[in-house]
Amino acid sequence: MVGYALNALSGDDSVPWQRVINARGEISRRGDREWERWQRTLLEEEGIAFSASGRVDLNTFRWKPADDS
C-alpha cells in the first residue's frame, strides 16, 4: 500500500519518499535502476549506512517515535 501511495506523488512533492525501505532493510526494486541508485544516494547523504549486501541495519536506523508519556 505504501508503494502505491508513493507512486502517486507528484515530482514536486515534499514527502521524504527516499526514507521508505522494505522490511528486509533493502531499497525495493523498481523498473528503473537509476531511481534505486538515487534513493540510496539520498539516504547515504542523510547518514544512512548500507552493508556490503545493500541492506540497512533496521535496529540502528529504524524510525523510533518519541515517547510522549
PDB file of N, CA and C in Angstrom:
ATOM      1  N   MET A   1       0.813  -1.193   0.000  1.00  0.00           N
ATOM      2  CA  MET A   1       0.000   0.000   0.000  1.00  0.00           C
ATOM      3  C   MET A   1       0.861   1.263   0.000  1.00  0.00           C
ATOM      4  N   VAL A   2       1.935   1.218   0.765  1.00  0.00           N
ATOM      5  CA  VAL A   2       2.807   2.385   0.821  1.00  0.00           C
ATOM      6  C   VAL A   2       3.396   2.661  -0.561  1.00  0.00           C
ATOM      7  N   GLY A   3       3.785   1.610  -1.246  1.00  0.00           N
ATOM      8  CA  GLY A   3       4.347   1.768  -2.584  1.00  0.00           C
ATOM      9  C   GLY A   3       3.389   2.446  -3.545  1.00  0.00           C
ATOM     10  N   TYR A   4       2.124   2.066  -3.483  1.00  0.00           N
ATOM     11  CA  TYR A   4       1.123   2.700  -4.342  1.00  0.00           C
ATOM     12  C   TYR A   4       0.980   4.181  -3.999  1.00  0.00           C
ATOM     13  N   ALA A   5       0.976   4.487  -2.713  1.00  0.00           N
ATOM     14  CA  ALA A   5       0.852   5.888  -2.293  1.00  0.00           C
ATOM     15  C   ALA A   5       2.052   6.698  -2.768  1.00  0.00           C
ATOM     16  N   LEU A   6       3.240   6.146  -2.616  1.00  0.00           N
ATOM     17  CA  LEU A   6       4.443   6.863  -3.044  1.00  0.00           C
ATOM     18  C   LEU A   6       4.471   7.039  -4.558  1.00  0.00           C
ATOM     19  N   ASN A   7       3.986   6.049  -5.274  1.00  0.00           N
ATOM     20  CA  ASN A   7       3.958   6.123  -6.735  1.00  0.00           C
ATOM     21  C   ASN A   7       3.040   7.247  -7.223  1.00  0.00           C
ATOM     22  N   ALA A   8       2.046   7.596  -6.423  1.00  0.00           N
ATOM     23  CA  ALA A   8       1.089   8.632  -6.812  1.00  0.00           C
ATOM     24  C   ALA A   8       1.596  10.044  -6.535  1.00  0.00           C
ATOM     25  N   LEU A   9       2.742  10.186  -5.898  1.00  0.00           N
ATOM     26  CA  LEU A   9       3.271  11.516  -5.589  1.00  0.00           C
ATOM     27  C   LEU A   9       3.652  12.262  -6.861  1.00  0.00           C
ATOM     28  N   SER A  10       3.492  13.561  -6.817  1.00  0.00           N
ATOM     29  CA  SER A  10       3.945  14.378  -7.943  1.00  0.00           C
ATOM     30  C   SER A  10       5.443  14.626  -7.806  1.00  0.00           C
ATOM     31  N   GLY A  11       6.071  15.053  -8.855  1.00  0.00           N
ATOM     32  CA  GLY A  11       7.510  15.283  -8.847  1.00  0.00           C
ATOM     33  C   GLY A  11       7.972  16.375  -7.900  1.00  0.00           C
ATOM     34  N   ASP A  12       7.086  17.281  -7.538  1.00  0.00           N
ATOM     35  CA  ASP A  12       7.478  18.390  -6.665  1.00  0.00           C
ATOM     36  C   ASP A  12       6.936  18.234  -5.245  1.00  0.00           C
ATOM     37  N   ASP A  13       6.537  17.033  -4.885  1.00  0.00           N
ATOM     38  CA  ASP A  13       6.003  16.764  -3.547  1.00  0.00           C
ATOM     39  C   ASP A  13       7.130  16.769  -2.520  1.00  0.00           C
ATOM     40  N   SER A  14       6.829  17.196  -1.300  1.00  0.00           N
ATOM     41  CA  SER A  14       7.873  17.285  -0.272  1.00  0.00           C
ATOM     42  C   SER A  14       7.924  16.058   0.641  1.00  0.00           C
ATOM     43  N   VAL A  15       7.187  15.011   0.326  1.00  0.00           N
ATOM     44  CA  VAL A  15       7.212  13.783   1.124  1.00  0.00           C
ATOM     45  C   VAL A  15       8.595  13.135   0.984  1.00  0.00           C
ATOM     46  N   PRO A  16       9.241  12.772   2.106  1.00  0.00           N
ATOM     47  CA  PRO A  16      10.583  12.176   2.030  1.00  0.00           C
ATOM     48  C   PRO A  16      10.526  10.707   1.609  1.00  0.00           C
ATOM     49  N   TRP A  17      10.126  10.449   0.398  1.00  0.00           N
ATOM     50  CA  TRP A  17       9.923   9.106  -0.138  1.00  0.00           C
ATOM     51  C   TRP A  17      11.161   8.230  -0.018  1.00  0.00           C
ATOM     52  N   GLN A  18      12.341   8.844  -0.089  1.00  0.00           N
ATOM     53  CA  GLN A  18      13.577   8.062  -0.082  1.00  0.00           C
ATOM     54  C   GLN A  18      13.776   7.319   1.232  1.00  0.00           C
ATOM     55  N   ARG A  19      13.084   7.723   2.276  1.00  0.00           N
ATOM     56  CA  ARG A  19      13.257   7.090   3.586  1.00  0.00           C
ATOM     57  C   ARG A  19      12.479   5.790   3.734  1.00  0.00           C
ATOM     58  N   VAL A  20      11.693   5.441   2.747  1.00  0.00           N
ATOM     59  CA  VAL A  20      10.904   4.212   2.818  1.00  0.00           C
ATOM     60  C   VAL A  20      11.706   3.071   2.208  1.00  0.00           C
ATOM     61  N   ILE A  21      12.010   2.092   3.059  1.00  0.00           N
ATOM     62  CA  ILE A  21      12.695   0.879   2.596  1.00  0.00           C
ATOM     63  C   ILE A  21      11.863  -0.320   3.043  1.00  0.00           C
ATOM     64  N   ASN A  22      12.153  -1.489   2.498  1.00  0.00           N
ATOM     65  CA  ASN A  22      11.309  -2.638   2.818  1.00  0.00           C
ATOM     66  C   ASN A  22      11.685  -3.273   4.160  1.00  0.00           C
ATOM     67  N   ALA A  23      10.922  -4.268   4.562  1.00  0.00           N
ATOM     68  CA  ALA A  23      11.085  -4.904   5.882  1.00  0.00           C
ATOM     69  C   ALA A  23      12.414  -5.635   6.028  1.00  0.00           C
ATOM     70  N   ARG A  24      13.087  -5.917   4.924  1.00  0.00           N
ATOM     71  CA  ARG A  24      14.405  -6.564   4.982  1.00  0.00           C
ATOM     72  C   ARG A  24      15.533  -5.544   5.068  1.00  0.00           C
ATOM     73  N   GLY A  25      15.172  -4.261   5.088  1.00  0.00           N
ATOM     74  CA  GLY A  25      16.187  -3.222   5.150  1.00  0.00           C
ATOM     75  C   GLY A  25      16.789  -2.901   3.798  1.00  0.00           C
ATOM     76  N   GLU A  26      16.076  -3.235   2.748  1.00  0.00           N
ATOM     77  CA  GLU A  26      16.573  -3.018   1.390  1.00  0.00           C
ATOM     78  C   GLU A  26      15.722  -1.979   0.663  1.00  0.00           C
ATOM     79  N   ILE A  27      16.314  -1.357  -0.321  1.00  0.00           N
ATOM     80  CA  ILE A  27      15.563  -0.499  -1.229  1.00  0.00           C
ATOM     81  C   ILE A  27      14.763  -1.432  -2.131  1.00  0.00           C
ATOM     82  N   SER A  28      13.471  -1.205  -2.214  1.00  0.00           N
ATOM     83  CA  SER A  28      12.623  -2.058  -3.040  1.00  0.00           C
ATOM     84  C   SER A  28      12.934  -1.845  -4.511  1.00  0.00           C
ATOM     85  N   ARG A  29      12.922  -2.930  -5.239  1.00  0.00           N
ATOM     86  CA  ARG A  29      13.228  -2.864  -6.671  1.00  0.00           C
ATOM     87  C   ARG A  29      12.128  -2.140  -7.432  1.00  0.00           C
ATOM     88  N   ARG A  30      12.572  -1.404  -8.437  1.00  0.00           N
ATOM     89  CA  ARG A  30      11.672  -0.690  -9.333  1.00  0.00           C
ATOM     90  C   ARG A  30      12.035  -1.064 -10.758  1.00  0.00           C
ATOM     91  N   GLY A  31      11.270  -0.584 -11.671  1.00  0.00           N
ATOM     92  CA  GLY A  31      11.569  -0.833 -13.071  1.00  0.00           C
ATOM     93  C   GLY A  31      12.803  -0.088 -13.546  1.00  0.00           C
ATOM     94  N   ASP A  32      13.147   0.979 -12.864  1.00  0.00           N
ATOM     95  CA  ASP A  32      14.266   1.830 -13.259  1.00  0.00           C
ATOM     96  C   ASP A  32      15.352   1.783 -12.182  1.00  0.00           C
ATOM     97  N   ARG A  33      16.472   1.159 -12.484  1.00  0.00           N
ATOM     98  CA  ARG A  33      17.563   1.007 -11.513  1.00  0.00           C
ATOM     99  C   ARG A  33      18.174   2.354 -11.114  1.00  0.00           C
ATOM    100  N   GLU A  34      18.045   3.368 -11.972  1.00  0.00           N
ATOM    101  CA  GLU A  34      18.571   4.693 -11.627  1.00  0.00           C
ATOM    102  C   GLU A  34      17.857   5.263 -10.402  1.00  0.00           C
ATOM    103  N   TRP A  35      16.554   5.022 -10.290  1.00  0.00           N
ATOM    104  CA  TRP A  35      15.814   5.507  -9.118  1.00  0.00           C
ATOM    105  C   TRP A  35      16.311   4.826  -7.857  1.00  0.00           C
ATOM    106  N   GLU A  36      16.648   3.539  -7.947  1.00  0.00           N
ATOM    107  CA  GLU A  36      17.190   2.820  -6.793  1.00  0.00           C
ATOM    108  C   GLU A  36      18.528   3.427  -6.381  1.00  0.00           C
ATOM    109  N   ARG A  37      19.371   3.733  -7.341  1.00  0.00           N
ATOM    110  CA  ARG A  37      20.669   4.371  -7.050  1.00  0.00           C
ATOM    111  C   ARG A  37      20.462   5.754  -6.440  1.00  0.00           C
ATOM    112  N   TRP A  38      19.488   6.498  -6.983  1.00  0.00           N
ATOM    113  CA  TRP A  38      19.203   7.839  -6.482  1.00  0.00           C
ATOM    114  C   TRP A  38      18.713   7.766  -5.037  1.00  0.00           C
ATOM    115  N   GLN A  39      17.831   6.808  -4.748  1.00  0.00           N
ATOM    116  CA  GLN A  39      17.333   6.650  -3.383  1.00  0.00           C
ATOM    117  C   GLN A  39      18.478   6.321  -2.432  1.00  0.00           C
ATOM    118  N   ARG A  40      19.351   5.429  -2.826  1.00  0.00           N
ATOM    119  CA  ARG A  40      20.488   5.082  -1.970  1.00  0.00           C
ATOM    120  C   ARG A  40      21.388   6.292  -1.742  1.00  0.00           C
ATOM    121  N   THR A  41      21.640   7.053  -2.791  1.00  0.00           N
ATOM    122  CA  THR A  41      22.466   8.253  -2.664  1.00  0.00           C
ATOM    123  C   THR A  41      21.852   9.228  -1.668  1.00  0.00           C
ATOM    124  N   LEU A  42      20.548   9.466  -1.789  1.00  0.00           N
ATOM    125  CA  LEU A  42      19.875  10.378  -0.867  1.00  0.00           C
ATOM    126  C   LEU A  42      19.974   9.885   0.578  1.00  0.00           C
ATOM    127  N   LEU A  43      19.792   8.589   0.776  1.00  0.00           N
ATOM    128  CA  LEU A  43      19.880   8.025   2.122  1.00  0.00           C
ATOM    129  C   LEU A  43      21.299   8.141   2.676  1.00  0.00           C
ATOM    130  N   GLU A  44      22.286   7.855   1.851  1.00  0.00           N
ATOM    131  CA  GLU A  44      23.678   7.966   2.296  1.00  0.00           C
ATOM    132  C   GLU A  44      24.014   9.408   2.656  1.00  0.00           C
ATOM    133  N   GLU A  45      23.474  10.362   1.914  1.00  0.00           N
ATOM    134  CA  GLU A  45      23.692  11.774   2.241  1.00  0.00           C
ATOM    135  C   GLU A  45      23.071  12.146   3.587  1.00  0.00           C
ATOM    136  N   GLU A  46      22.064  11.391   4.016  1.00  0.00           N
ATOM    137  CA  GLU A  46      21.435  11.597   5.322  1.00  0.00           C
ATOM    138  C   GLU A  46      22.149  10.828   6.429  1.00  0.00           C
ATOM    139  N   GLY A  47      23.200  10.103   6.074  1.00  0.00           N
ATOM    140  CA  GLY A  47      23.964   9.368   7.075  1.00  0.00           C
ATOM    141  C   GLY A  47      23.564   7.920   7.251  1.00  0.00           C
ATOM    142  N   ILE A  48      22.720   7.405   6.374  1.00  0.00           N
ATOM    143  CA  ILE A  48      22.303   6.008   6.454  1.00  0.00           C
ATOM    144  C   ILE A  48      23.397   5.138   5.830  1.00  0.00           C
ATOM    145  N   ALA A  49      23.814   4.114   6.574  1.00  0.00           N
ATOM    146  CA  ALA A  49      24.870   3.212   6.100  1.00  0.00           C
ATOM    147  C   ALA A  49      24.256   1.930   5.549  1.00  0.00           C
ATOM    148  N   PHE A  50      24.839   1.436   4.484  1.00  0.00           N
ATOM    149  CA  PHE A  50      24.419   0.183   3.873  1.00  0.00           C
ATOM    150  C   PHE A  50      25.512  -0.866   4.059  1.00  0.00           C
ATOM    151  N   SER A  51      25.092  -2.106   4.263  1.00  0.00           N
ATOM    152  CA  SER A  51      26.051  -3.212   4.353  1.00  0.00           C
ATOM    153  C   SER A  51      26.552  -3.539   2.949  1.00  0.00           C
ATOM    154  N   ALA A  52      27.514  -4.440   2.887  1.00  0.00           N
ATOM    155  CA  ALA A  52      28.046  -4.866   1.587  1.00  0.00           C
ATOM    156  C   ALA A  52      26.961  -5.520   0.735  1.00  0.00           C
ATOM    157  N   SER A  53      25.956  -6.095   1.384  1.00  0.00           N
ATOM    158  CA  SER A  53      24.868  -6.743   0.642  1.00  0.00           C
ATOM    159  C   SER A  53      23.744  -5.770   0.285  1.00  0.00           C
ATOM    160  N   GLY A  54      23.919  -4.484   0.628  1.00  0.00           N
ATOM    161  CA  GLY A  54      22.945  -3.470   0.258  1.00  0.00           C
ATOM    162  C   GLY A  54      21.803  -3.293   1.234  1.00  0.00           C
ATOM    163  N   ARG A  55      21.996  -3.751   2.468  1.00  0.00           N
ATOM    164  CA  ARG A  55      20.937  -3.626   3.475  1.00  0.00           C
ATOM    165  C   ARG A  55      21.271  -2.561   4.510  1.00  0.00           C
ATOM    166  N   VAL A  56      20.210  -2.013   5.074  1.00  0.00           N
ATOM    167  CA  VAL A  56      20.305  -1.049   6.164  1.00  0.00           C
ATOM    168  C   VAL A  56      20.026  -1.800   7.457  1.00  0.00           C
ATOM    169  N   ASP A  57      20.796  -1.553   8.492  1.00  0.00           N
ATOM    170  CA  ASP A  57      20.552  -2.171   9.797  1.00  0.00           C
ATOM    171  C   ASP A  57      19.337  -1.494  10.422  1.00  0.00           C
ATOM    172  N   LEU A  58      18.208  -2.187  10.421  1.00  0.00           N
ATOM    173  CA  LEU A  58      16.971  -1.591  10.905  1.00  0.00           C
ATOM    174  C   LEU A  58      17.004  -1.317  12.403  1.00  0.00           C
ATOM    175  N   ASN A  59      17.789  -2.074  13.158  1.00  0.00           N
ATOM    176  CA  ASN A  59      17.911  -1.791  14.591  1.00  0.00           C
ATOM    177  C   ASN A  59      18.583  -0.449  14.833  1.00  0.00           C
ATOM    178  N   THR A  60      19.453  -0.054  13.929  1.00  0.00           N
ATOM    179  CA  THR A  60      20.154   1.218  14.061  1.00  0.00           C
ATOM    180  C   THR A  60      19.371   2.373  13.459  1.00  0.00           C
ATOM    181  N   PHE A  61      18.783   2.179  12.285  1.00  0.00           N
ATOM    182  CA  PHE A  61      18.211   3.286  11.529  1.00  0.00           C
ATOM    183  C   PHE A  61      16.691   3.316  11.468  1.00  0.00           C
ATOM    184  N   ARG A  62      16.021   2.404  12.125  1.00  0.00           N
ATOM    185  CA  ARG A  62      14.551   2.401  12.120  1.00  0.00           C
ATOM    186  C   ARG A  62      14.019   3.647  12.811  1.00  0.00           C
ATOM    187  N   TRP A  63      12.907   4.161  12.303  1.00  0.00           N
ATOM    188  CA  TRP A  63      12.267   5.310  12.923  1.00  0.00           C
ATOM    189  C   TRP A  63      11.752   4.901  14.290  1.00  0.00           C
ATOM    190  N   LYS A  64      12.055   5.705  15.275  1.00  0.00           N
ATOM    191  CA  LYS A  64      11.607   5.443  16.632  1.00  0.00           C
ATOM    192  C   LYS A  64      10.826   6.664  17.106  1.00  0.00           C
ATOM    193  N   PRO A  65       9.500   6.538  17.166  1.00  0.00           N
ATOM    194  CA  PRO A  65       8.697   7.693  17.586  1.00  0.00           C
ATOM    195  C   PRO A  65       9.009   8.084  19.025  1.00  0.00           C
ATOM    196  N   ALA A  66       8.877   9.346  19.298  1.00  0.00           N
ATOM    197  CA  ALA A  66       9.126   9.861  20.652  1.00  0.00           C
ATOM    198  C   ALA A  66       8.067   9.319  21.594  1.00  0.00           C
ATOM    199  N   ASP A  67       8.478   8.988  22.795  1.00  0.00           N
ATOM    200  CA  ASP A  67       7.556   8.516  23.826  1.00  0.00           C
ATOM    201  C   ASP A  67       7.041   9.729  24.583  1.00  0.00           C
ATOM    202  N   ASP A  68       5.786  10.067  24.349  1.00  0.00           N
ATOM    203  CA  ASP A  68       5.208  11.265  24.950  1.00  0.00           C
ATOM    204  C   ASP A  68       4.642  11.034  26.341  1.00  0.00           C
ATOM    205  N   SER A  69       4.770   9.828  26.880  1.00  0.00           N
ATOM    206  CA  SER A  69       4.187   9.560  28.202  1.00  0.00           C
ATOM    207  C   SER A  69       5.085   9.991  29.332  1.00  0.00           C
TER     208      SER A  69
END
